[in-house]
Amino acid sequence: MDFFYIFAYMRAVIQRVLSASVTIDGKIKSEIGPGLLILLGVGHDDSEEDVDYLVKKSAGLRIFNDRDGVMNLSILESGGDIIVVSQFTLMASTKKGNRPSYIGAAGHETAIPLYELFCRKLSAAIGKPLGTGEFAADMKVALVNDGPVTICIDSKNK
């Protein structure tokens, strides 16, 4: 077995959106207008340090337009909202064959507490509640990507 690819890291895909929603079993769980949709993948080696790094980056990313149309404002300055969705498939390794391996993704016992911690800390950082998906649920995520602006951040790639 090759062990070099099983070490994973917390990964966020951050999308600037005009709107986004999460629907579970035909019912809308969360929806926002302008803001961020964050897809979060948790690796089995992740810790609170990874959460802190991604919270700081997510809250501080200057990807919203200022009065001059320049991406110079953070979510804090734009006043937008956030939805965070857990997504273990972000941890896929595609190094061998055509079937992705998810061996680097954290199990529920690690991923759920770190996902929830990320949501609590990001909510505190922006000073308001945020929307979420539901861990391990079959979610339908809809969004209107604004720009499009999509940023990928890995906690171990600082």
C-alpha atoms as a PDB file:
ATOM      1  CA  MET A   1       0.000   0.000   0.000  1.00  0.00           C
ATOM      2  CA  ASP A   2       1.272   3.480  -0.842  1.00  0.00           C
ATOM      3  CA  PHE A   3       1.181   5.666   2.248  1.00  0.00           C
ATOM      4  CA  PHE A   4       2.433   8.881   0.664  1.00  0.00           C
ATOM      5  CA  TYR A   5      -1.013   9.931  -0.538  1.00  0.00           C
ATOM      6  CA  ILE A   6      -3.112   9.143   2.533  1.00  0.00           C
ATOM      7  CA  PHE A   7      -2.015  12.230   4.435  1.00  0.00           C
ATOM      8  CA  ALA A   8      -4.705  14.802   3.863  1.00  0.00           C
ATOM      9  CA  TYR A   9      -5.348  18.332   4.973  1.00  0.00           C
ATOM     10  CA  MET A  10      -8.363  20.482   5.538  1.00  0.00           C
ATOM     11  CA  ARG A  11      -9.494  21.946   2.247  1.00  0.00           C
ATOM     12  CA  ALA A  12     -11.953  24.745   1.509  1.00  0.00           C
ATOM     13  CA  VAL A  13     -13.431  25.678  -1.832  1.00  0.00           C
ATOM     14  CA  ILE A  14     -14.751  29.207  -1.420  1.00  0.00           C
ATOM     15  CA  GLN A  15     -17.166  30.605  -3.981  1.00  0.00           C
ATOM     16  CA  ARG A  16     -18.398  34.189  -4.148  1.00  0.00           C
ATOM     17  CA  VAL A  17     -22.112  33.908  -4.833  1.00  0.00           C
ATOM     18  CA  LEU A  18     -25.083  36.103  -5.624  1.00  0.00           C
ATOM     19  CA  SER A  19     -27.214  33.437  -3.950  1.00  0.00           C
ATOM     20  CA  ALA A  20     -26.895  29.896  -2.634  1.00  0.00           C
ATOM     21  CA  SER A  21     -29.059  27.286  -0.955  1.00  0.00           C
ATOM     22  CA  VAL A  22     -28.914  23.802   0.513  1.00  0.00           C
ATOM     23  CA  THR A  23     -31.938  21.522   0.146  1.00  0.00           C
ATOM     24  CA  ILE A  24     -32.331  18.212   1.987  1.00  0.00           C
ATOM     25  CA  ASP A  25     -35.260  15.871   1.319  1.00  0.00           C
ATOM     26  CA  GLY A  26     -37.032  18.590  -0.661  1.00  0.00           C
ATOM     27  CA  LYS A  27     -36.798  21.176   2.162  1.00  0.00           C
ATOM     28  CA  ILE A  28     -34.521  24.206   2.109  1.00  0.00           C
ATOM     29  CA  LYS A  29     -32.133  23.958   5.065  1.00  0.00           C
ATOM     30  CA  SER A  30     -30.162  27.156   4.365  1.00  0.00           C
ATOM     31  CA  GLU A  31     -30.230  29.935   1.819  1.00  0.00           C
ATOM     32  CA  ILE A  32     -28.408  33.213   1.380  1.00  0.00           C
ATOM     33  CA  GLY A  33     -28.202  36.166  -0.940  1.00  0.00           C
ATOM     34  CA  PRO A  34     -24.806  37.680  -1.771  1.00  0.00           C
ATOM     35  CA  GLY A  35     -21.912  36.136   0.135  1.00  0.00           C
ATOM     36  CA  LEU A  36     -19.863  32.959   0.223  1.00  0.00           C
ATOM     37  CA  LEU A  37     -20.575  29.293  -0.280  1.00  0.00           C
ATOM     38  CA  ILE A  38     -17.799  27.302   1.385  1.00  0.00           C
ATOM     39  CA  LEU A  39     -17.349  23.602   0.695  1.00  0.00           C
ATOM     40  CA  LEU A  40     -15.225  22.083   3.477  1.00  0.00           C
ATOM     41  CA  GLY A  41     -13.311  18.811   3.377  1.00  0.00           C
ATOM     42  CA  VAL A  42     -11.678  17.438   6.531  1.00  0.00           C
ATOM     43  CA  GLY A  43      -8.693  15.093   6.517  1.00  0.00           C
ATOM     44  CA  HIS A  44      -7.925  12.549   9.233  1.00  0.00           C
ATOM     45  CA  ASP A  45      -4.776  14.434  10.309  1.00  0.00           C
ATOM     46  CA  ASP A  46      -6.547  17.776  10.762  1.00  0.00           C
ATOM     47  CA  SER A  47      -6.762  19.676  14.023  1.00  0.00           C
ATOM     48  CA  GLU A  48      -8.031  22.916  15.537  1.00  0.00           C
ATOM     49  CA  GLU A  49      -4.955  24.640  14.073  1.00  0.00           C
ATOM     50  CA  ASP A  50      -6.249  23.820  10.572  1.00  0.00           C
ATOM     51  CA  VAL A  51      -9.674  25.169  11.512  1.00  0.00           C
ATOM     52  CA  ASP A  52      -8.173  28.418  12.811  1.00  0.00           C
ATOM     53  CA  TYR A  53      -6.122  28.922   9.653  1.00  0.00           C
ATOM     54  CA  LEU A  54      -9.087  28.390   7.318  1.00  0.00           C
ATOM     55  CA  VAL A  55     -11.418  30.545   9.424  1.00  0.00           C
ATOM     56  CA  LYS A  56      -8.950  33.433   9.316  1.00  0.00           C
ATOM     57  CA  LYS A  57      -8.436  33.042   5.559  1.00  0.00           C
ATOM     58  CA  SER A  58     -12.159  32.664   4.817  1.00  0.00           C
ATOM     59  CA  ALA A  59     -13.158  35.738   6.820  1.00  0.00           C
ATOM     60  CA  GLY A  60     -10.297  37.836   5.485  1.00  0.00           C
ATOM     61  CA  LEU A  61     -10.257  36.978   1.768  1.00  0.00           C
ATOM     62  CA  ARG A  62     -10.613  40.207  -0.198  1.00  0.00           C
ATOM     63  CA  ILE A  63     -12.751  38.921  -3.052  1.00  0.00           C
ATOM     64  CA  PHE A  64     -15.671  41.370  -3.015  1.00  0.00           C
ATOM     65  CA  ASN A  65     -15.687  44.457  -5.187  1.00  0.00           C
ATOM     66  CA  ASP A  66     -15.174  47.915  -3.736  1.00  0.00           C
ATOM     67  CA  ARG A  67     -16.766  51.083  -5.198  1.00  0.00           C
ATOM     68  CA  ASP A  68     -14.211  51.056  -8.007  1.00  0.00           C
ATOM     69  CA  GLY A  69     -15.013  47.479  -9.007  1.00  0.00           C
ATOM     70  CA  VAL A  70     -11.749  46.121  -7.590  1.00  0.00           C
ATOM     71  CA  MET A  71     -11.765  42.935  -5.484  1.00  0.00           C
ATOM     72  CA  ASN A  72     -10.657  44.652  -2.304  1.00  0.00           C
ATOM     73  CA  LEU A  73     -13.290  43.819   0.347  1.00  0.00           C
ATOM     74  CA  SER A  74     -13.686  40.835   2.654  1.00  0.00           C
ATOM     75  CA  ILE A  75     -16.962  39.205   3.683  1.00  0.00           C
ATOM     76  CA  LEU A  76     -16.752  41.321   6.846  1.00  0.00           C
ATOM     77  CA  GLU A  77     -16.675  44.540   4.846  1.00  0.00           C
ATOM     78  CA  SER A  78     -19.221  43.465   2.236  1.00  0.00           C
ATOM     79  CA  GLY A  79     -21.785  42.383   4.840  1.00  0.00           C
ATOM     80  CA  GLY A  80     -22.564  39.188   2.951  1.00  0.00           C
ATOM     81  CA  ASP A  81     -23.705  35.879   4.368  1.00  0.00           C
ATOM     82  CA  ILE A  82     -22.081  32.446   4.365  1.00  0.00           C
ATOM     83  CA  ILE A  83     -23.183  28.851   3.915  1.00  0.00           C
ATOM     84  CA  VAL A  84     -20.725  26.074   4.863  1.00  0.00           C
ATOM     85  CA  VAL A  85     -21.257  22.589   3.443  1.00  0.00           C
ATOM     86  CA  SER A  86     -19.236  19.538   4.474  1.00  0.00           C
ATOM     87  CA  GLN A  87     -17.922  17.653   1.458  1.00  0.00           C
ATOM     88  CA  PHE A  88     -15.675  14.633   1.967  1.00  0.00           C
ATOM     89  CA  THR A  89     -15.207  14.244  -1.797  1.00  0.00           C
ATOM     90  CA  LEU A  90     -12.883  17.265  -1.714  1.00  0.00           C
ATOM     91  CA  MET A  91     -10.372  14.894  -0.137  1.00  0.00           C
ATOM     92  CA  ALA A  92     -10.334  12.555  -3.149  1.00  0.00           C
ATOM     93  CA  SER A  93      -7.043  11.218  -4.419  1.00  0.00           C
ATOM     94  CA  THR A  94      -7.035  10.508  -8.148  1.00  0.00           C
ATOM     95  CA  LYS A  95      -3.418   9.362  -8.442  1.00  0.00           C
ATOM     96  CA  LYS A  96      -4.274   5.776  -9.321  1.00  0.00           C
ATOM     97  CA  GLY A  97      -6.868   4.645 -11.816  1.00  0.00           C
ATOM     98  CA  ASN A  98     -10.186   6.321 -12.482  1.00  0.00           C
ATOM     99  CA  ARG A  99     -11.952   5.611  -9.216  1.00  0.00           C
ATOM    100  CA  PRO A 100     -11.149   8.270  -6.606  1.00  0.00           C
ATOM    101  CA  SER A 101      -9.819   7.128  -3.241  1.00  0.00           C
ATOM    102  CA  TYR A 102     -11.149   8.816  -0.108  1.00  0.00           C
ATOM    103  CA  ILE A 103      -8.645   7.240   2.272  1.00  0.00           C
ATOM    104  CA  GLY A 104      -7.414  10.707   3.321  1.00  0.00           C
ATOM    105  CA  ALA A 105     -10.874  11.896   4.375  1.00  0.00           C
ATOM    106  CA  ALA A 106     -11.540  11.958   8.102  1.00  0.00           C
ATOM    107  CA  GLY A 107     -14.075   9.592   9.603  1.00  0.00           C
ATOM    108  CA  HIS A 108     -17.176  10.962  11.297  1.00  0.00           C
ATOM    109  CA  GLU A 109     -15.528  10.916  14.736  1.00  0.00           C
ATOM    110  CA  THR A 110     -12.972  13.502  13.552  1.00  0.00           C
ATOM    111  CA  ALA A 111     -14.774  15.280  10.728  1.00  0.00           C
ATOM    112  CA  ILE A 112     -18.023  16.208  12.488  1.00  0.00           C
ATOM    113  CA  PRO A 113     -16.415  17.984  15.474  1.00  0.00           C
ATOM    114  CA  LEU A 114     -13.957  19.856  13.215  1.00  0.00           C
ATOM    115  CA  TYR A 115     -16.703  20.849  10.756  1.00  0.00           C
ATOM    116  CA  GLU A 116     -18.865  22.112  13.624  1.00  0.00           C
ATOM    117  CA  LEU A 117     -15.893  23.945  15.172  1.00  0.00           C
ATOM    118  CA  PHE A 118     -15.147  25.601  11.822  1.00  0.00           C
ATOM    119  CA  CYS A 119     -18.775  26.762  11.581  1.00  0.00           C
ATOM    120  CA  ARG A 120     -18.825  28.130  15.156  1.00  0.00           C
ATOM    121  CA  LYS A 121     -15.514  29.956  14.778  1.00  0.00           C
ATOM    122  CA  LEU A 122     -16.393  31.402  11.364  1.00  0.00           C
ATOM    123  CA  SER A 123     -19.760  32.571  12.676  1.00  0.00           C
ATOM    124  CA  ALA A 124     -17.984  34.292  15.577  1.00  0.00           C
ATOM    125  CA  ALA A 125     -15.432  35.831  13.184  1.00  0.00           C
ATOM    126  CA  ILE A 126     -18.117  37.415  10.986  1.00  0.00           C
ATOM    127  CA  GLY A 127     -20.349  38.302  13.922  1.00  0.00           C
ATOM    128  CA  LYS A 128     -23.515  36.593  12.712  1.00  0.00           C
ATOM    129  CA  PRO A 129     -25.023  33.156  12.161  1.00  0.00           C
ATOM    130  CA  LEU A 130     -24.196  31.258   9.013  1.00  0.00           C
ATOM    131  CA  GLY A 131     -26.064  28.634   7.066  1.00  0.00           C
ATOM    132  CA  THR A 132     -24.978  25.019   6.971  1.00  0.00           C
ATOM    133  CA  GLY A 133     -25.685  21.797   5.260  1.00  0.00           C
ATOM    134  CA  GLU A 134     -26.151  18.579   7.190  1.00  0.00           C
ATOM    135  CA  PHE A 135     -23.210  16.264   7.697  1.00  0.00           C
ATOM    136  CA  ALA A 136     -23.492  13.043   5.650  1.00  0.00           C
ATOM    137  CA  ALA A 137     -26.889  14.019   4.203  1.00  0.00           C
ATOM    138  CA  ASP A 138     -27.766  13.840   0.519  1.00  0.00           C
ATOM    139  CA  MET A 139     -27.772  17.574  -0.147  1.00  0.00           C
ATOM    140  CA  LYS A 140     -28.749  19.523  -3.217  1.00  0.00           C
ATOM    141  CA  VAL A 141     -26.581  22.643  -3.334  1.00  0.00           C
ATOM    142  CA  ALA A 142     -27.631  25.440  -5.666  1.00  0.00           C
ATOM    143  CA  LEU A 143     -25.656  28.585  -6.330  1.00  0.00           C
ATOM    144  CA  VAL A 144     -25.227  31.500  -8.641  1.00  0.00           C
ATOM    145  CA  ASN A 145     -21.457  31.999  -8.725  1.00  0.00           C
ATOM    146  CA  ASP A 146     -20.612  35.699  -8.892  1.00  0.00           C
ATOM    147  CA  GLY A 147     -17.786  36.486 -11.264  1.00  0.00           C
ATOM    148  CA  PRO A 148     -17.188  33.567 -11.219  1.00  0.00           C
ATOM    149  CA  VAL A 149     -14.865  33.760  -8.249  1.00  0.00           C
ATOM    150  CA  THR A 150     -13.737  30.415  -6.801  1.00  0.00           C
ATOM    151  CA  ILE A 151     -10.745  30.087  -4.436  1.00  0.00           C
ATOM    152  CA  CYS A 152      -9.257  26.819  -3.132  1.00  0.00           C
ATOM    153  CA  ILE A 153      -7.343  26.836   0.153  1.00  0.00           C
ATOM    154  CA  ASP A 154      -5.507  23.917   1.777  1.00  0.00           C
ATOM    155  CA  SER A 155      -4.613  24.264   5.449  1.00  0.00           C
ATOM    156  CA  LYS A 156      -1.211  22.594   5.075  1.00  0.00           C
ATOM    157  CA  ASN A 157      -0.206  24.719   2.070  1.00  0.00           C
ATOM    158  CA  LYS A 158       0.490  27.966   3.898  1.00  0.00           C
END
